[in-house]
Amino acid sequence: MWNVSDMCDDLHHRDFSSLDMLKLIFPSTYSFLSHQVPYLLGISVIDRLFPPWTVRQCPEIRWEVELPEERRLYLRNPTLILIQLSGILVGIVGALHWFHGSRRRRELVAQTSTWCLSWSWMFSFLWFAAMNASSVLVHSFFEPISPAWRLWLACDVTATGMASTNALLAIAPLPQLQGSLTAVTLLNVLLGTIAANLSLLEWSWREEMLYVLPTIIAALALSLSFLGRVRRSEASRKEIFFFLLMVLTGALPLLLAPLSTPALCSVLGSLVFGLVHLAFLSSVNIYLLMMFWLAAAREGEEEKKRK
């Protein structure tokens, strides 16, 4: 599927900055920000987000690994791996907890169509774990633009989009789907296959359409659904607390984006922690908080049934 030259070795590697990775992973967004926005607004968003001096001073970190026959491999972004491994752990634990506890909860609630008991949540956690696993290969092990890197980027894009899609499906008014593990599994196989094939094709706005857009739609839909439950006095204080923490955690990278790269580069002098690290840490914390939020929502549903 790939060869050693796909890895970050001493013959094929080059240093990549955060701006370089933006160009590679989101080429359409980069083109829009660097050409259309300055023309329309008269400001350079790229220079504000990634000042030229940060591109020179703070390329990604690479650790050298000695190999036989005087060859070397370079582990890219080693400090990011710890965050990604924690994301894999959160995803797996969340999915296993959901699977083992779901039957008991369904007996208590006796309503398989309840949104907070949907099997789609389990698949959202599984896809989140897959996203972090594939991102380790994308951001650390394979050289950008190599064939293997492109393959694992497609896996990363697919998994991220499917994690968000399942969160959206969980709150959809589809009672026959929510309570059927078989139906949710088949739907995930179908949608995952479609997304994977689309992610392997070359087309404009591919990454944005396959996982940025589903993430935005899912975030908005979850927020609107939650606000509706708050207005109807269906959400407990505990549930409100964890949801607000989720919103704050998700908003921080967006609010700090204009300052994070120059500030962190100035303080740390390298990309030991940068915008990508902040985004991954935020996503891990969101899914960790989501476990507590859903647990609080399930407790509320169980309490209603007992009454």
C-alpha atoms as a PDB file:
ATOM      1  CA  MET A   1       0.000   0.000   0.000  1.00  0.00           C
ATOM      2  CA  TRP A   2       2.954   2.296   0.693  1.00  0.00           C
ATOM      3  CA  ASN A   3       6.726   2.148   0.913  1.00  0.00           C
ATOM      4  CA  VAL A   4       9.425   3.548   3.169  1.00  0.00           C
ATOM      5  CA  SER A   5       9.661   6.745   1.120  1.00  0.00           C
ATOM      6  CA  ASP A   6       6.158   7.602   2.312  1.00  0.00           C
ATOM      7  CA  MET A   7       7.519   7.825   5.831  1.00  0.00           C
ATOM      8  CA  CYS A   8       9.293  10.946   7.084  1.00  0.00           C
ATOM      9  CA  ASP A   9      12.821   9.891   6.177  1.00  0.00           C
ATOM     10  CA  ASP A  10      15.989  11.903   5.643  1.00  0.00           C
ATOM     11  CA  LEU A  11      15.743  11.750   1.830  1.00  0.00           C
ATOM     12  CA  HIS A  12      12.188  12.958   1.394  1.00  0.00           C
ATOM     13  CA  HIS A  13      11.351  15.192   4.332  1.00  0.00           C
ATOM     14  CA  ARG A  14      10.955  18.958   4.515  1.00  0.00           C
ATOM     15  CA  ASP A  15       9.822  21.220   7.308  1.00  0.00           C
ATOM     16  CA  PHE A  16       6.150  22.180   7.277  1.00  0.00           C
ATOM     17  CA  SER A  17       4.611  25.122   9.079  1.00  0.00           C
ATOM     18  CA  SER A  18       0.975  25.438  10.189  1.00  0.00           C
ATOM     19  CA  LEU A  19       0.357  27.493   7.048  1.00  0.00           C
ATOM     20  CA  ASP A  20       1.811  24.742   4.860  1.00  0.00           C
ATOM     21  CA  MET A  21      -0.548  22.205   6.430  1.00  0.00           C
ATOM     22  CA  LEU A  22      -3.503  24.535   5.872  1.00  0.00           C
ATOM     23  CA  LYS A  23      -2.583  24.674   2.181  1.00  0.00           C
ATOM     24  CA  LEU A  24      -2.374  20.871   1.969  1.00  0.00           C
ATOM     25  CA  ILE A  25      -5.424  19.871   4.007  1.00  0.00           C
ATOM     26  CA  PHE A  26      -7.742  22.766   3.115  1.00  0.00           C
ATOM     27  CA  PRO A  27      -6.550  24.006  -0.287  1.00  0.00           C
ATOM     28  CA  SER A  28      -9.900  25.557  -1.202  1.00  0.00           C
ATOM     29  CA  THR A  29     -10.137  27.445   2.092  1.00  0.00           C
ATOM     30  CA  TYR A  30      -6.565  28.655   1.714  1.00  0.00           C
ATOM     31  CA  SER A  31      -7.242  29.863  -1.826  1.00  0.00           C
ATOM     32  CA  PHE A  32     -10.380  31.689  -0.683  1.00  0.00           C
ATOM     33  CA  LEU A  33      -8.681  33.343   2.293  1.00  0.00           C
ATOM     34  CA  SER A  34      -5.558  34.324   0.380  1.00  0.00           C
ATOM     35  CA  HIS A  35      -7.208  35.574  -2.827  1.00  0.00           C
ATOM     36  CA  GLN A  36     -10.926  36.283  -2.484  1.00  0.00           C
ATOM     37  CA  VAL A  37     -11.038  37.774   1.029  1.00  0.00           C
ATOM     38  CA  PRO A  38      -8.279  40.366   0.439  1.00  0.00           C
ATOM     39  CA  TYR A  39      -9.989  41.369  -2.811  1.00  0.00           C
ATOM     40  CA  LEU A  40     -13.388  41.745  -1.107  1.00  0.00           C
ATOM     41  CA  LEU A  41     -12.376  43.185   2.268  1.00  0.00           C
ATOM     42  CA  GLY A  42      -8.962  44.643   1.638  1.00  0.00           C
ATOM     43  CA  ILE A  43      -7.291  42.682   4.478  1.00  0.00           C
ATOM     44  CA  SER A  44      -5.006  39.656   4.473  1.00  0.00           C
ATOM     45  CA  VAL A  45      -6.556  37.064   6.766  1.00  0.00           C
ATOM     46  CA  ILE A  46      -3.670  34.668   6.117  1.00  0.00           C
ATOM     47  CA  ASP A  47      -1.070  37.191   7.309  1.00  0.00           C
ATOM     48  CA  ARG A  48      -3.141  37.874  10.425  1.00  0.00           C
ATOM     49  CA  LEU A  49      -3.541  34.204  11.290  1.00  0.00           C
ATOM     50  CA  PHE A  50      -0.046  33.154  10.215  1.00  0.00           C
ATOM     51  CA  PRO A  51       2.356  36.130  10.248  1.00  0.00           C
ATOM     52  CA  PRO A  52       5.304  35.500   7.893  1.00  0.00           C
ATOM     53  CA  TRP A  53       7.802  35.441  10.759  1.00  0.00           C
ATOM     54  CA  THR A  54       5.961  32.514  12.416  1.00  0.00           C
ATOM     55  CA  VAL A  55       6.204  30.480   9.209  1.00  0.00           C
ATOM     56  CA  ARG A  56       9.994  30.901   9.258  1.00  0.00           C
ATOM     57  CA  GLN A  57      10.550  30.615  12.998  1.00  0.00           C
ATOM     58  CA  CYS A  58       8.072  27.881  13.968  1.00  0.00           C
ATOM     59  CA  PRO A  59       7.952  24.916  11.594  1.00  0.00           C
ATOM     60  CA  GLU A  60       6.555  21.655  12.926  1.00  0.00           C
ATOM     61  CA  ILE A  61       8.730  19.704  15.352  1.00  0.00           C
ATOM     62  CA  ARG A  62      10.436  16.541  14.132  1.00  0.00           C
ATOM     63  CA  TRP A  63      12.146  13.911  16.262  1.00  0.00           C
ATOM     64  CA  GLU A  64      14.887  11.936  14.575  1.00  0.00           C
ATOM     65  CA  VAL A  65      14.785   8.121  14.740  1.00  0.00           C
ATOM     66  CA  GLU A  66      17.873   6.177  13.675  1.00  0.00           C
ATOM     67  CA  LEU A  67      17.380   3.234  11.293  1.00  0.00           C
ATOM     68  CA  PRO A  68      19.727   0.541   9.944  1.00  0.00           C
ATOM     69  CA  GLU A  69      21.950   1.348   6.951  1.00  0.00           C
ATOM     70  CA  GLU A  70      22.485   4.930   8.155  1.00  0.00           C
ATOM     71  CA  ARG A  71      18.948   5.990   7.440  1.00  0.00           C
ATOM     72  CA  ARG A  72      16.737   8.128   9.646  1.00  0.00           C
ATOM     73  CA  LEU A  73      13.036   8.625  10.113  1.00  0.00           C
ATOM     74  CA  TYR A  74      11.424  11.749  11.502  1.00  0.00           C
ATOM     75  CA  LEU A  75       8.470  11.642  13.872  1.00  0.00           C
ATOM     76  CA  ARG A  76       6.426  14.753  13.112  1.00  0.00           C
ATOM     77  CA  ASN A  77       4.585  16.685  15.841  1.00  0.00           C
ATOM     78  CA  PRO A  78       5.478  14.286  18.686  1.00  0.00           C
ATOM     79  CA  THR A  79       3.714  16.444  21.290  1.00  0.00           C
ATOM     80  CA  LEU A  80       0.458  16.082  19.341  1.00  0.00           C
ATOM     81  CA  ILE A  81       0.477  12.288  19.668  1.00  0.00           C
ATOM     82  CA  LEU A  82      -0.332  12.365  23.394  1.00  0.00           C
ATOM     83  CA  ILE A  83      -3.487  14.380  22.693  1.00  0.00           C
ATOM     84  CA  GLN A  84      -4.487  12.045  19.856  1.00  0.00           C
ATOM     85  CA  LEU A  85      -3.960   8.954  22.026  1.00  0.00           C
ATOM     86  CA  SER A  86      -6.185  10.485  24.687  1.00  0.00           C
ATOM     87  CA  GLY A  87      -8.787  11.043  21.940  1.00  0.00           C
ATOM     88  CA  ILE A  88      -8.621   7.365  20.970  1.00  0.00           C
ATOM     89  CA  LEU A  89      -9.085   6.413  24.616  1.00  0.00           C
ATOM     90  CA  VAL A  90     -12.062   8.749  25.116  1.00  0.00           C
ATOM     91  CA  GLY A  91     -13.731   7.441  21.951  1.00  0.00           C
ATOM     92  CA  ILE A  92     -13.294   3.769  22.852  1.00  0.00           C
ATOM     93  CA  VAL A  93     -14.321   4.206  26.495  1.00  0.00           C
ATOM     94  CA  GLY A  94     -17.356   6.242  25.459  1.00  0.00           C
ATOM     95  CA  ALA A  95     -18.468   3.625  22.928  1.00  0.00           C
ATOM     96  CA  LEU A  96     -17.932   0.666  25.292  1.00  0.00           C
ATOM     97  CA  HIS A  97     -19.721   2.427  28.125  1.00  0.00           C
ATOM     98  CA  TRP A  98     -22.625   3.125  25.786  1.00  0.00           C
ATOM     99  CA  PHE A  99     -22.807  -0.438  24.487  1.00  0.00           C
ATOM    100  CA  HIS A 100     -22.672  -2.180  27.871  1.00  0.00           C
ATOM    101  CA  GLY A 101     -25.056   0.166  29.624  1.00  0.00           C
ATOM    102  CA  SER A 102     -27.589   0.707  26.874  1.00  0.00           C
ATOM    103  CA  ARG A 103     -29.762  -2.360  27.462  1.00  0.00           C
ATOM    104  CA  ARG A 104     -30.173  -1.698  31.171  1.00  0.00           C
ATOM    105  CA  ARG A 105     -31.043   1.938  30.530  1.00  0.00           C
ATOM    106  CA  ARG A 106     -33.569   1.001  27.867  1.00  0.00           C
ATOM    107  CA  GLU A 107     -35.341  -1.288  30.321  1.00  0.00           C
ATOM    108  CA  LEU A 108     -35.538   1.553  32.833  1.00  0.00           C
ATOM    109  CA  VAL A 109     -36.705   4.165  30.377  1.00  0.00           C
ATOM    110  CA  ALA A 110     -38.789   1.768  28.246  1.00  0.00           C
ATOM    111  CA  GLN A 111     -38.584   4.193  25.312  1.00  0.00           C
ATOM    112  CA  THR A 112     -36.053   3.141  22.692  1.00  0.00           C
ATOM    113  CA  SER A 113     -36.750   6.260  20.641  1.00  0.00           C
ATOM    114  CA  THR A 114     -35.472   8.640  23.371  1.00  0.00           C
ATOM    115  CA  TRP A 115     -32.806  10.837  21.773  1.00  0.00           C
ATOM    116  CA  CYS A 116     -30.242  10.423  24.556  1.00  0.00           C
ATOM    117  CA  LEU A 117     -30.408   6.612  24.176  1.00  0.00           C
ATOM    118  CA  SER A 118     -29.828   6.501  20.426  1.00  0.00           C
ATOM    119  CA  TRP A 119     -27.280   3.980  19.182  1.00  0.00           C
ATOM    120  CA  SER A 120     -25.900   6.750  16.983  1.00  0.00           C
ATOM    121  CA  TRP A 121     -24.071   8.168  20.007  1.00  0.00           C
ATOM    122  CA  MET A 122     -22.064   4.950  20.302  1.00  0.00           C
ATOM    123  CA  PHE A 123     -21.031   5.203  16.656  1.00  0.00           C
ATOM    124  CA  SER A 124     -20.151   8.878  17.100  1.00  0.00           C
ATOM    125  CA  PHE A 125     -17.651   7.872  19.802  1.00  0.00           C
ATOM    126  CA  LEU A 126     -16.287   5.037  17.645  1.00  0.00           C
ATOM    127  CA  TRP A 127     -15.757   7.327  14.661  1.00  0.00           C
ATOM    128  CA  PHE A 128     -14.109   9.880  16.952  1.00  0.00           C
ATOM    129  CA  ALA A 129     -11.615   7.227  18.059  1.00  0.00           C
ATOM    130  CA  ALA A 130     -10.994   6.332  14.398  1.00  0.00           C
ATOM    131  CA  MET A 131     -10.467  10.007  13.568  1.00  0.00           C
ATOM    132  CA  ASN A 132      -7.753  10.340  16.206  1.00  0.00           C
ATOM    133  CA  ALA A 133      -6.106   7.068  15.166  1.00  0.00           C
ATOM    134  CA  SER A 134      -5.887   8.062  11.503  1.00  0.00           C
ATOM    135  CA  SER A 135      -4.756  11.588  12.414  1.00  0.00           C
ATOM    136  CA  VAL A 136      -1.700  10.135  14.163  1.00  0.00           C
ATOM    137  CA  LEU A 137      -0.577   8.754  10.796  1.00  0.00           C
ATOM    138  CA  VAL A 138      -1.481  11.989   8.984  1.00  0.00           C
ATOM    139  CA  HIS A 139       0.209  14.408  11.375  1.00  0.00           C
ATOM    140  CA  SER A 140       3.123  12.319  12.652  1.00  0.00           C
ATOM    141  CA  PHE A 141       4.165   9.264  10.652  1.00  0.00           C
ATOM    142  CA  PHE A 142       3.774   9.941   6.943  1.00  0.00           C
ATOM    143  CA  GLU A 143       5.272  12.663   4.814  1.00  0.00           C
ATOM    144  CA  PRO A 144       2.655  15.147   3.557  1.00  0.00           C
ATOM    145  CA  ILE A 145       1.570  14.673  -0.077  1.00  0.00           C
ATOM    146  CA  SER A 146       2.913  11.087  -0.178  1.00  0.00           C
ATOM    147  CA  PRO A 147       0.436   8.412  -1.378  1.00  0.00           C
ATOM    148  CA  ALA A 148       0.081   6.924   2.118  1.00  0.00           C
ATOM    149  CA  TRP A 149      -0.482  10.369   3.625  1.00  0.00           C
ATOM    150  CA  ARG A 150      -3.276  11.061   1.140  1.00  0.00           C
ATOM    151  CA  LEU A 151      -4.899   7.713   1.950  1.00  0.00           C
ATOM    152  CA  TRP A 152      -4.877   8.304   5.710  1.00  0.00           C
ATOM    153  CA  LEU A 153      -6.036  11.881   5.229  1.00  0.00           C
ATOM    154  CA  ALA A 154      -9.087  10.454   3.444  1.00  0.00           C
ATOM    155  CA  CYS A 155      -9.658   8.146   6.435  1.00  0.00           C
ATOM    156  CA  ASP A 156      -9.307  11.112   8.798  1.00  0.00           C
ATOM    157  CA  VAL A 157     -11.792  13.166   6.774  1.00  0.00           C
ATOM    158  CA  THR A 158     -14.286  10.279   6.627  1.00  0.00           C
ATOM    159  CA  ALA A 159     -14.092   9.494  10.346  1.00  0.00           C
ATOM    160  CA  THR A 160     -14.456  13.132  11.395  1.00  0.00           C
ATOM    161  CA  GLY A 161     -17.455  13.663   9.173  1.00  0.00           C
ATOM    162  CA  MET A 162     -19.121  10.450  10.337  1.00  0.00           C
ATOM    163  CA  ALA A 163     -18.605  11.321  14.017  1.00  0.00           C
ATOM    164  CA  SER A 164     -20.498  14.573  13.475  1.00  0.00           C
ATOM    165  CA  THR A 165     -23.120  12.914  11.261  1.00  0.00           C
ATOM    166  CA  ASN A 166     -23.947  10.392  13.985  1.00  0.00           C
ATOM    167  CA  ALA A 167     -24.351  13.149  16.555  1.00  0.00           C
ATOM    168  CA  LEU A 168     -26.818  14.743  14.134  1.00  0.00           C
ATOM    169  CA  LEU A 169     -28.637  11.434  13.554  1.00  0.00           C
ATOM    170  CA  ALA A 170     -28.974  10.910  17.310  1.00  0.00           C
ATOM    171  CA  ILE A 171     -31.293  13.898  17.677  1.00  0.00           C
ATOM    172  CA  ALA A 172     -33.174  13.302  14.417  1.00  0.00           C
ATOM    173  CA  PRO A 173     -36.905  12.503  14.781  1.00  0.00           C
ATOM    174  CA  LEU A 174     -36.461   8.926  13.568  1.00  0.00           C
ATOM    175  CA  PRO A 175     -37.778   6.666  16.363  1.00  0.00           C
ATOM    176  CA  GLN A 176     -37.471   3.414  14.403  1.00  0.00           C
ATOM    177  CA  LEU A 177     -33.811   4.198  13.708  1.00  0.00           C
ATOM    178  CA  GLN A 178     -32.793   5.341  17.194  1.00  0.00           C
ATOM    179  CA  GLY A 179     -33.682   2.076  18.936  1.00  0.00           C
ATOM    180  CA  SER A 180     -32.313  -0.375  16.350  1.00  0.00           C
ATOM    181  CA  LEU A 181     -28.628  -1.255  16.566  1.00  0.00           C
ATOM    182  CA  THR A 182     -28.879  -3.141  13.265  1.00  0.00           C
ATOM    183  CA  ALA A 183     -30.409  -0.170  11.431  1.00  0.00           C
ATOM    184  CA  VAL A 184     -27.860   2.287  12.810  1.00  0.00           C
ATOM    185  CA  THR A 185     -24.994  -0.089  11.938  1.00  0.00           C
ATOM    186  CA  LEU A 186     -26.183  -0.545   8.338  1.00  0.00           C
ATOM    187  CA  LEU A 187     -26.672   3.205   7.947  1.00  0.00           C
ATOM    188  CA  ASN A 188     -23.128   3.834   9.190  1.00  0.00           C
ATOM    189  CA  VAL A 189     -21.720   1.282   6.756  1.00  0.00           C
ATOM    190  CA  LEU A 190     -23.609   2.913   3.888  1.00  0.00           C
ATOM    191  CA  LEU A 191     -22.753   6.527   4.755  1.00  0.00           C
ATOM    192  CA  GLY A 192     -19.174   5.648   5.691  1.00  0.00           C
ATOM    193  CA  THR A 193     -18.615   3.894   2.363  1.00  0.00           C
ATOM    194  CA  ILE A 194     -20.013   6.851   0.427  1.00  0.00           C
ATOM    195  CA  ALA A 195     -17.918   9.343   2.412  1.00  0.00           C
ATOM    196  CA  ALA A 196     -14.747   7.252   2.033  1.00  0.00           C
ATOM    197  CA  ASN A 197     -15.135   7.038  -1.737  1.00  0.00           C
ATOM    198  CA  LEU A 198     -15.837  10.763  -2.017  1.00  0.00           C
ATOM    199  CA  SER A 199     -12.805  11.579   0.126  1.00  0.00           C
ATOM    200  CA  LEU A 200     -10.533   9.675  -2.275  1.00  0.00           C
ATOM    201  CA  LEU A 201     -11.646  11.764  -5.252  1.00  0.00           C
ATOM    202  CA  GLU A 202     -10.125  15.116  -6.142  1.00  0.00           C
ATOM    203  CA  TRP A 203     -12.695  17.924  -6.056  1.00  0.00           C
ATOM    204  CA  SER A 204     -12.898  21.481  -4.751  1.00  0.00           C
ATOM    205  CA  TRP A 205     -13.959  22.035  -1.149  1.00  0.00           C
ATOM    206  CA  ARG A 206     -13.708  18.281  -0.489  1.00  0.00           C
ATOM    207  CA  GLU A 207     -12.528  18.422   3.137  1.00  0.00           C
ATOM    208  CA  GLU A 208     -14.819  21.324   3.949  1.00  0.00           C
ATOM    209  CA  MET A 209     -17.900  19.566   2.572  1.00  0.00           C
ATOM    210  CA  LEU A 210     -17.168  16.127   4.023  1.00  0.00           C
ATOM    211  CA  TYR A 211     -16.310  17.039   7.583  1.00  0.00           C
ATOM    212  CA  VAL A 212     -16.270  20.767   8.316  1.00  0.00           C
ATOM    213  CA  LEU A 213     -19.853  21.267   7.097  1.00  0.00           C
ATOM    214  CA  PRO A 214     -21.276  18.210   8.947  1.00  0.00           C
ATOM    215  CA  THR A 215     -19.516  19.391  12.108  1.00  0.00           C
ATOM    216  CA  ILE A 216     -21.034  22.871  11.845  1.00  0.00           C
ATOM    217  CA  ILE A 217     -24.508  21.490  11.093  1.00  0.00           C
ATOM    218  CA  ALA A 218     -24.308  19.013  13.984  1.00  0.00           C
ATOM    219  CA  ALA A 219     -23.140  21.726  16.411  1.00  0.00           C
ATOM    220  CA  LEU A 220     -25.979  24.044  15.397  1.00  0.00           C
ATOM    221  CA  ALA A 221     -28.597  21.283  15.500  1.00  0.00           C
ATOM    222  CA  LEU A 222     -27.476  20.081  18.940  1.00  0.00           C
ATOM    223  CA  SER A 223     -27.525  23.660  20.246  1.00  0.00           C
ATOM    224  CA  LEU A 224     -31.024  24.344  18.902  1.00  0.00           C
ATOM    225  CA  SER A 225     -32.331  21.035  20.240  1.00  0.00           C
ATOM    226  CA  PHE A 226     -30.807  21.750  23.636  1.00  0.00           C
ATOM    227  CA  LEU A 227     -32.248  25.275  23.777  1.00  0.00           C
ATOM    228  CA  GLY A 228     -35.663  23.850  22.955  1.00  0.00           C
ATOM    229  CA  ARG A 229     -35.389  21.410  25.841  1.00  0.00           C
ATOM    230  CA  VAL A 230     -34.305  24.216  28.182  1.00  0.00           C
ATOM    231  CA  ARG A 231     -37.320  26.329  27.183  1.00  0.00           C
ATOM    232  CA  ARG A 232     -39.606  23.361  27.852  1.00  0.00           C
ATOM    233  CA  SER A 233     -37.897  22.827  31.250  1.00  0.00           C
ATOM    234  CA  GLU A 234     -36.782  19.345  30.188  1.00  0.00           C
ATOM    235  CA  ALA A 235     -33.063  19.834  30.894  1.00  0.00           C
ATOM    236  CA  SER A 236     -31.632  19.449  34.401  1.00  0.00           C
ATOM    237  CA  ARG A 237     -29.100  21.864  35.868  1.00  0.00           C
ATOM    238  CA  LYS A 238     -26.435  19.195  35.587  1.00  0.00           C
ATOM    239  CA  GLU A 239     -27.159  18.694  31.898  1.00  0.00           C
ATOM    240  CA  ILE A 240     -27.132  22.474  31.285  1.00  0.00           C
ATOM    241  CA  PHE A 241     -23.794  22.782  33.077  1.00  0.00           C
ATOM    242  CA  PHE A 242     -22.037  20.145  30.949  1.00  0.00           C
ATOM    243  CA  PHE A 243     -23.527  21.418  27.689  1.00  0.00           C
ATOM    244  CA  LEU A 244     -22.334  24.971  28.396  1.00  0.00           C
ATOM    245  CA  LEU A 245     -18.867  23.585  29.120  1.00  0.00           C
ATOM    246  CA  MET A 246     -18.961  21.811  25.752  1.00  0.00           C
ATOM    247  CA  VAL A 247     -19.892  25.051  23.975  1.00  0.00           C
ATOM    248  CA  LEU A 248     -17.127  26.983  25.736  1.00  0.00           C
ATOM    249  CA  THR A 249     -14.559  24.297  24.920  1.00  0.00           C
ATOM    250  CA  GLY A 250     -15.566  24.292  21.255  1.00  0.00           C
ATOM    251  CA  ALA A 251     -15.547  28.080  20.995  1.00  0.00           C
ATOM    252  CA  LEU A 252     -12.105  28.643  22.507  1.00  0.00           C
ATOM    253  CA  PRO A 253     -10.033  27.547  19.455  1.00  0.00           C
ATOM    254  CA  LEU A 254     -12.154  29.779  17.195  1.00  0.00           C
ATOM    255  CA  LEU A 255     -11.823  32.763  19.539  1.00  0.00           C
ATOM    256  CA  LEU A 256      -8.090  32.246  20.044  1.00  0.00           C
ATOM    257  CA  ALA A 257      -7.240  31.409  16.411  1.00  0.00           C
ATOM    258  CA  PRO A 258      -6.176  34.959  15.411  1.00  0.00           C
ATOM    259  CA  LEU A 259      -3.753  35.130  18.349  1.00  0.00           C
ATOM    260  CA  SER A 260      -2.715  31.542  19.007  1.00  0.00           C
ATOM    261  CA  THR A 261      -0.059  31.062  16.327  1.00  0.00           C
ATOM    262  CA  PRO A 262       1.947  34.297  16.896  1.00  0.00           C
ATOM    263  CA  ALA A 263       1.473  34.145  20.680  1.00  0.00           C
ATOM    264  CA  LEU A 264       2.476  30.512  21.067  1.00  0.00           C
ATOM    265  CA  CYS A 265       5.340  30.879  18.604  1.00  0.00           C
ATOM    266  CA  SER A 266       6.684  33.889  20.532  1.00  0.00           C
ATOM    267  CA  VAL A 267       6.419  32.201  23.927  1.00  0.00           C
ATOM    268  CA  LEU A 268       7.446  28.650  23.024  1.00  0.00           C
ATOM    269  CA  GLY A 269       9.733  29.381  20.075  1.00  0.00           C
ATOM    270  CA  SER A 270       8.468  26.297  18.217  1.00  0.00           C
ATOM    271  CA  LEU A 271       5.322  24.332  17.432  1.00  0.00           C
ATOM    272  CA  VAL A 272       5.587  22.253  20.598  1.00  0.00           C
ATOM    273  CA  PHE A 273       1.989  23.461  21.054  1.00  0.00           C
ATOM    274  CA  GLY A 274       0.147  25.298  18.303  1.00  0.00           C
ATOM    275  CA  LEU A 275      -3.235  25.858  16.713  1.00  0.00           C
ATOM    276  CA  VAL A 276      -3.519  22.206  15.620  1.00  0.00           C
ATOM    277  CA  HIS A 277      -2.758  21.022  19.158  1.00  0.00           C
ATOM    278  CA  LEU A 278      -5.379  23.427  20.505  1.00  0.00           C
ATOM    279  CA  ALA A 279      -7.995  22.156  18.043  1.00  0.00           C
ATOM    280  CA  PHE A 280      -7.323  18.489  18.887  1.00  0.00           C
ATOM    281  CA  LEU A 281      -7.321  19.173  22.631  1.00  0.00           C
ATOM    282  CA  SER A 282     -10.618  20.996  22.266  1.00  0.00           C
ATOM    283  CA  SER A 283     -12.220  18.088  20.378  1.00  0.00           C
ATOM    284  CA  VAL A 284     -11.047  15.557  22.980  1.00  0.00           C
ATOM    285  CA  ASN A 285     -12.459  17.678  25.797  1.00  0.00           C
ATOM    286  CA  ILE A 286     -15.753  18.093  23.913  1.00  0.00           C
ATOM    287  CA  TYR A 287     -16.220  14.327  23.614  1.00  0.00           C
ATOM    288  CA  LEU A 288     -15.179  13.795  27.220  1.00  0.00           C
ATOM    289  CA  LEU A 289     -17.745  16.367  28.349  1.00  0.00           C
ATOM    290  CA  MET A 290     -20.279  14.820  25.968  1.00  0.00           C
ATOM    291  CA  MET A 291     -20.074  11.589  27.980  1.00  0.00           C
ATOM    292  CA  PHE A 292     -21.074  13.479  31.141  1.00  0.00           C
ATOM    293  CA  TRP A 293     -23.708  15.530  29.312  1.00  0.00           C
ATOM    294  CA  LEU A 294     -25.411  12.444  27.887  1.00  0.00           C
ATOM    295  CA  ALA A 295     -25.192  10.702  31.261  1.00  0.00           C
ATOM    296  CA  ALA A 296     -26.952  13.683  32.871  1.00  0.00           C
ATOM    297  CA  ALA A 297     -29.628  13.641  30.140  1.00  0.00           C
ATOM    298  CA  ARG A 298     -30.201   9.905  30.626  1.00  0.00           C
ATOM    299  CA  GLU A 299     -30.517  10.383  34.377  1.00  0.00           C
ATOM    300  CA  GLY A 300     -33.189  12.996  33.721  1.00  0.00           C
ATOM    301  CA  GLU A 301     -35.118  10.652  31.413  1.00  0.00           C
ATOM    302  CA  GLU A 302     -34.917   7.826  33.923  1.00  0.00           C
ATOM    303  CA  GLU A 303     -36.156  10.100  36.708  1.00  0.00           C
ATOM    304  CA  LYS A 304     -39.169  11.111  34.603  1.00  0.00           C
ATOM    305  CA  LYS A 305     -40.104   7.477  33.983  1.00  0.00           C
ATOM    306  CA  ARG A 306     -39.851   6.629  37.683  1.00  0.00           C
ATOM    307  CA  LYS A 307     -42.336   9.407  38.443  1.00  0.00           C
END
